[in-house]
N, C-alpha and C. Protein backbone atom coordinates (compact mmCIF):
# COMPACT_ATOMS: atom_id res chain seq x y z
N MET A 1 34.45 12.55 -112.45
CA MET A 1 33.75 13.20 -111.22
C MET A 1 32.44 12.58 -111.29
N ALA A 2 31.88 12.35 -110.08
CA ALA A 2 30.41 11.77 -109.90
C ALA A 2 29.59 12.92 -109.28
N LYS A 3 28.25 12.72 -109.38
CA LYS A 3 27.42 13.73 -108.72
C LYS A 3 26.84 12.84 -107.54
N PHE A 4 26.78 13.65 -106.39
CA PHE A 4 26.16 13.05 -105.16
C PHE A 4 24.98 14.02 -104.69
N LEU A 5 23.92 13.27 -104.20
CA LEU A 5 22.91 14.13 -103.50
C LEU A 5 22.75 13.56 -102.21
N PHE A 6 22.92 14.23 -101.14
CA PHE A 6 22.69 13.76 -99.82
C PHE A 6 21.46 14.26 -99.25
N VAL A 7 20.47 13.44 -98.80
CA VAL A 7 19.28 13.80 -98.46
C VAL A 7 19.26 13.52 -96.78
N LEU A 8 18.90 14.69 -96.08
CA LEU A 8 18.87 14.48 -94.62
C LEU A 8 17.52 14.90 -94.05
N SER A 9 16.88 13.94 -93.45
CA SER A 9 15.74 14.32 -92.64
C SER A 9 15.71 14.27 -91.24
N ARG A 10 16.94 14.20 -90.71
CA ARG A 10 17.15 14.21 -89.25
C ARG A 10 17.89 15.63 -88.96
N GLY A 11 17.60 16.14 -87.67
CA GLY A 11 18.21 17.35 -87.16
C GLY A 11 18.94 17.22 -85.98
N ILE A 12 18.60 18.23 -85.09
CA ILE A 12 19.35 18.25 -83.87
C ILE A 12 18.95 17.26 -83.07
N GLU A 13 17.93 16.49 -83.17
CA GLU A 13 17.46 15.31 -82.30
C GLU A 13 18.46 14.06 -82.51
N ASP A 14 19.07 14.09 -83.57
CA ASP A 14 19.92 12.89 -84.11
C ASP A 14 21.31 13.46 -84.48
N PRO A 15 22.14 13.75 -83.57
CA PRO A 15 23.44 14.29 -83.87
C PRO A 15 24.31 13.26 -84.78
N ILE A 16 24.06 12.03 -84.53
CA ILE A 16 24.95 11.11 -85.04
C ILE A 16 24.66 11.08 -86.66
N ARG A 17 23.37 10.78 -87.04
CA ARG A 17 22.91 10.95 -88.51
C ARG A 17 23.30 12.18 -89.17
N SER A 18 22.94 13.36 -88.49
CA SER A 18 23.03 14.68 -89.14
C SER A 18 24.54 15.00 -89.36
N THR A 19 25.44 14.67 -88.36
CA THR A 19 26.96 14.83 -88.52
C THR A 19 27.54 13.98 -89.61
N ARG A 20 27.06 12.61 -89.55
CA ARG A 20 27.65 11.88 -90.57
C ARG A 20 27.21 12.13 -92.09
N CYS A 21 26.02 12.64 -92.24
CA CYS A 21 25.60 13.04 -93.57
C CYS A 21 26.36 14.26 -93.99
N MET A 22 26.73 15.21 -93.17
CA MET A 22 27.49 16.46 -93.53
C MET A 22 28.93 15.87 -93.72
N GLN A 23 29.38 15.10 -92.96
CA GLN A 23 30.78 14.49 -93.14
C GLN A 23 31.02 13.76 -94.35
N PHE A 24 30.01 12.99 -94.93
CA PHE A 24 30.05 12.27 -96.13
C PHE A 24 29.85 13.29 -97.27
N ALA A 25 29.24 14.20 -97.14
CA ALA A 25 29.04 15.30 -98.13
C ALA A 25 30.24 15.97 -98.31
N ARG A 26 30.93 16.34 -97.18
CA ARG A 26 32.28 16.97 -97.30
C ARG A 26 33.32 16.19 -97.88
N ALA A 27 33.39 14.85 -97.59
CA ALA A 27 34.38 13.79 -98.05
C ALA A 27 34.23 13.72 -99.62
N ALA A 28 32.99 13.74 -100.09
CA ALA A 28 32.68 13.73 -101.55
C ALA A 28 33.20 14.89 -102.27
N LYS A 29 32.88 16.10 -101.58
CA LYS A 29 33.36 17.30 -102.22
C LYS A 29 34.93 17.47 -102.17
N GLU A 30 35.62 17.01 -101.05
CA GLU A 30 36.97 16.99 -100.96
C GLU A 30 37.57 16.14 -102.01
N SER A 31 36.94 15.00 -102.42
CA SER A 31 37.48 14.11 -103.37
C SER A 31 37.17 14.59 -104.93
N GLY A 32 36.64 15.82 -104.97
CA GLY A 32 36.39 16.43 -106.40
C GLY A 32 35.09 16.18 -106.95
N HIS A 33 34.18 15.66 -106.26
CA HIS A 33 32.83 15.27 -106.78
C HIS A 33 31.89 16.55 -106.74
N GLU A 34 30.86 16.41 -107.51
CA GLU A 34 29.80 17.51 -107.43
C GLU A 34 28.72 16.99 -106.43
N VAL A 35 28.52 17.96 -105.34
CA VAL A 35 27.78 17.65 -104.20
C VAL A 35 26.65 18.54 -104.09
N THR A 36 25.45 18.13 -103.76
CA THR A 36 24.24 18.79 -103.43
C THR A 36 23.75 18.12 -101.96
N VAL A 37 23.19 18.98 -101.09
CA VAL A 37 22.59 18.51 -99.84
C VAL A 37 21.14 18.94 -99.97
N PHE A 38 20.22 18.10 -99.64
CA PHE A 38 18.75 18.46 -99.65
C PHE A 38 18.33 18.15 -98.19
N LEU A 39 17.94 19.19 -97.55
CA LEU A 39 17.44 18.92 -96.19
C LEU A 39 15.68 18.86 -96.13
N VAL A 40 15.14 17.89 -95.58
CA VAL A 40 13.79 17.79 -95.42
C VAL A 40 13.36 17.47 -93.85
N GLU A 41 12.13 17.53 -93.70
CA GLU A 41 11.60 17.27 -92.36
C GLU A 41 12.48 18.02 -91.30
N ASP A 42 13.01 17.30 -90.13
CA ASP A 42 13.62 17.90 -89.13
C ASP A 42 15.13 18.48 -89.62
N GLY A 43 15.53 17.91 -90.64
CA GLY A 43 16.86 18.18 -91.21
C GLY A 43 17.06 19.72 -91.61
N VAL A 44 15.72 20.45 -91.85
CA VAL A 44 15.86 21.82 -92.24
C VAL A 44 16.52 22.61 -91.07
N MET A 45 16.31 22.10 -89.94
CA MET A 45 17.01 22.88 -88.78
C MET A 45 18.51 23.02 -88.82
N ILE A 46 19.09 22.02 -89.60
CA ILE A 46 20.59 22.17 -89.65
C ILE A 46 21.14 23.30 -90.35
N ALA A 47 20.23 23.87 -91.29
CA ALA A 47 20.65 24.99 -92.19
C ALA A 47 20.37 26.33 -91.46
N LYS A 48 19.68 26.24 -90.27
CA LYS A 48 19.44 27.50 -89.50
C LYS A 48 20.79 27.95 -89.05
N ALA A 49 21.16 29.31 -89.30
CA ALA A 49 22.26 29.79 -88.75
C ALA A 49 22.56 29.66 -87.35
N GLY A 50 23.72 29.13 -86.87
CA GLY A 50 23.93 28.96 -85.39
C GLY A 50 23.64 27.62 -84.79
N ILE A 51 22.67 26.87 -85.50
CA ILE A 51 22.24 25.65 -84.96
C ILE A 51 23.29 24.75 -84.78
N ALA A 52 24.10 24.56 -85.84
CA ALA A 52 25.16 23.54 -85.84
C ALA A 52 26.28 23.73 -84.88
N ASP A 53 26.20 24.90 -84.29
CA ASP A 53 27.47 25.22 -83.41
C ASP A 53 27.73 24.21 -82.32
N ASN A 54 26.67 23.65 -81.81
CA ASN A 54 26.78 22.72 -80.64
C ASN A 54 26.47 21.38 -80.95
N ILE A 55 26.34 20.96 -82.24
CA ILE A 55 26.00 19.48 -82.54
C ILE A 55 27.23 18.76 -82.69
N LYS A 56 27.33 17.65 -81.84
CA LYS A 56 28.43 16.78 -81.97
C LYS A 56 27.98 15.36 -81.95
N SER A 57 28.54 14.39 -82.65
CA SER A 57 28.27 13.00 -82.56
C SER A 57 29.03 12.53 -81.29
N PRO A 58 28.59 11.30 -80.85
CA PRO A 58 29.25 10.73 -79.55
C PRO A 58 30.74 10.51 -79.90
N THR A 59 31.15 10.38 -81.10
CA THR A 59 32.59 10.15 -81.37
C THR A 59 33.44 11.43 -81.40
N GLY A 60 32.73 12.61 -81.11
CA GLY A 60 33.46 13.81 -80.95
C GLY A 60 33.40 14.70 -82.26
N ASP A 61 32.92 14.09 -83.42
CA ASP A 61 32.89 14.76 -84.59
C ASP A 61 31.74 16.00 -84.44
N ASP A 62 32.26 17.20 -85.00
CA ASP A 62 31.17 18.31 -84.80
C ASP A 62 30.71 18.55 -86.22
N LEU A 63 29.46 18.89 -86.19
CA LEU A 63 28.69 19.13 -87.55
C LEU A 63 29.08 20.56 -87.99
N LYS A 64 29.37 21.42 -87.19
CA LYS A 64 29.71 22.73 -87.61
C LYS A 64 30.88 22.81 -88.43
N GLY A 65 32.00 22.05 -88.34
CA GLY A 65 33.19 22.00 -89.09
C GLY A 65 32.78 21.56 -90.50
N HIS A 66 31.99 20.61 -90.58
CA HIS A 66 31.58 20.12 -91.84
C HIS A 66 30.65 20.95 -92.66
N LEU A 67 29.79 21.61 -91.91
CA LEU A 67 28.78 22.46 -92.57
C LEU A 67 29.47 23.77 -93.02
N ASP A 68 30.49 24.34 -92.25
CA ASP A 68 31.27 25.41 -92.51
C ASP A 68 31.97 25.15 -93.90
N TYR A 69 32.60 24.04 -93.94
CA TYR A 69 33.37 23.54 -95.15
C TYR A 69 32.33 23.72 -96.39
N LEU A 70 31.23 23.07 -96.38
CA LEU A 70 30.29 23.06 -97.42
C LEU A 70 29.85 24.42 -97.88
N VAL A 71 29.65 25.25 -96.83
CA VAL A 71 29.16 26.67 -97.17
C VAL A 71 30.30 27.37 -97.75
N LYS A 72 31.58 27.07 -97.30
CA LYS A 72 32.72 27.88 -97.95
C LYS A 72 32.96 27.52 -99.41
N GLU A 73 32.78 26.08 -99.61
CA GLU A 73 32.90 25.65 -100.92
C GLU A 73 31.67 25.71 -101.91
N GLN A 74 30.60 26.47 -101.28
CA GLN A 74 29.38 26.97 -102.00
C GLN A 74 28.58 25.65 -102.48
N VAL A 75 28.65 24.62 -101.63
CA VAL A 75 27.89 23.37 -102.04
C VAL A 75 26.41 23.83 -101.88
N PRO A 76 25.54 23.59 -102.94
CA PRO A 76 24.11 23.98 -102.69
C PRO A 76 23.48 23.16 -101.62
N ILE A 77 22.88 23.93 -100.53
CA ILE A 77 21.96 23.23 -99.49
C ILE A 77 20.64 23.69 -99.72
N LEU A 78 20.02 22.56 -100.33
CA LEU A 78 18.52 22.87 -100.57
C LEU A 78 17.71 22.64 -99.37
N VAL A 79 16.71 23.47 -98.98
CA VAL A 79 15.96 23.35 -97.88
C VAL A 79 14.38 23.21 -98.44
N CYS A 80 13.74 22.17 -98.04
CA CYS A 80 12.33 21.90 -98.35
C CYS A 80 11.52 23.08 -97.68
N THR A 81 10.82 23.86 -98.61
CA THR A 81 10.08 25.00 -98.30
C THR A 81 8.85 24.64 -97.30
N PRO A 82 8.06 23.61 -97.64
CA PRO A 82 7.05 23.38 -96.68
C PRO A 82 7.49 22.92 -95.22
N CYS A 83 8.53 22.19 -95.32
CA CYS A 83 9.21 21.79 -94.02
C CYS A 83 9.70 22.93 -93.14
N ALA A 84 10.36 23.91 -93.94
CA ALA A 84 10.90 25.16 -93.24
C ALA A 84 9.65 26.01 -92.86
N ASN A 85 8.68 26.18 -93.64
CA ASN A 85 7.48 26.87 -93.27
C ASN A 85 6.88 26.36 -91.91
N ALA A 86 6.74 25.17 -91.94
CA ALA A 86 6.04 24.41 -90.73
C ALA A 86 6.92 24.64 -89.53
N ARG A 87 8.15 25.12 -89.63
CA ARG A 87 9.06 25.37 -88.42
C ARG A 87 9.24 26.86 -88.32
N HIS A 88 8.52 27.70 -88.98
CA HIS A 88 8.59 29.11 -89.01
C HIS A 88 9.94 29.64 -89.32
N LEU A 89 10.57 28.91 -90.41
CA LEU A 89 11.77 29.41 -90.87
C LEU A 89 11.59 30.03 -92.24
N GLY A 90 12.58 31.08 -92.44
CA GLY A 90 12.45 31.59 -93.94
C GLY A 90 13.94 31.78 -94.37
N PRO A 91 14.03 32.24 -95.64
CA PRO A 91 15.37 32.47 -96.22
C PRO A 91 16.42 33.10 -95.34
N ASP A 92 15.98 34.15 -94.55
CA ASP A 92 16.87 34.93 -93.84
C ASP A 92 17.39 34.20 -92.47
N ASP A 93 16.92 33.06 -92.38
CA ASP A 93 17.25 32.22 -91.21
C ASP A 93 18.55 31.20 -91.46
N PHE A 94 18.71 31.09 -92.85
CA PHE A 94 19.77 30.01 -93.05
C PHE A 94 21.02 30.58 -93.35
N VAL A 95 21.99 29.53 -93.39
CA VAL A 95 23.44 29.70 -93.70
C VAL A 95 23.33 30.20 -95.12
N SER A 96 24.45 30.77 -95.64
CA SER A 96 24.45 31.51 -96.94
C SER A 96 24.35 30.63 -98.15
N SER A 97 24.73 29.39 -98.11
CA SER A 97 24.45 28.55 -99.32
C SER A 97 23.13 27.87 -99.30
N ALA A 98 22.38 28.05 -98.35
CA ALA A 98 20.97 27.30 -98.26
C ALA A 98 20.08 28.15 -99.08
């Protein structure tokens, strides 16, 4: 088993990169690896409850399904505190594993 850290600095403004990051994190977890996701800059918005509901890449992949899987599997989703504060987000705003 390997350890993976996925760092995402893109958010709702870049559905391709944000969706792919969560897709790769899910694939690693499904393959039995230890996975952590770290959200910085605009990426912190992905952890806000309800934000992922309408994010889809042009290929049709939806971010919500991948994020829901990671939350269900209790994958740690770390959120940069200064980045969240700058966007007026606090712990009560995030999905349960963030």
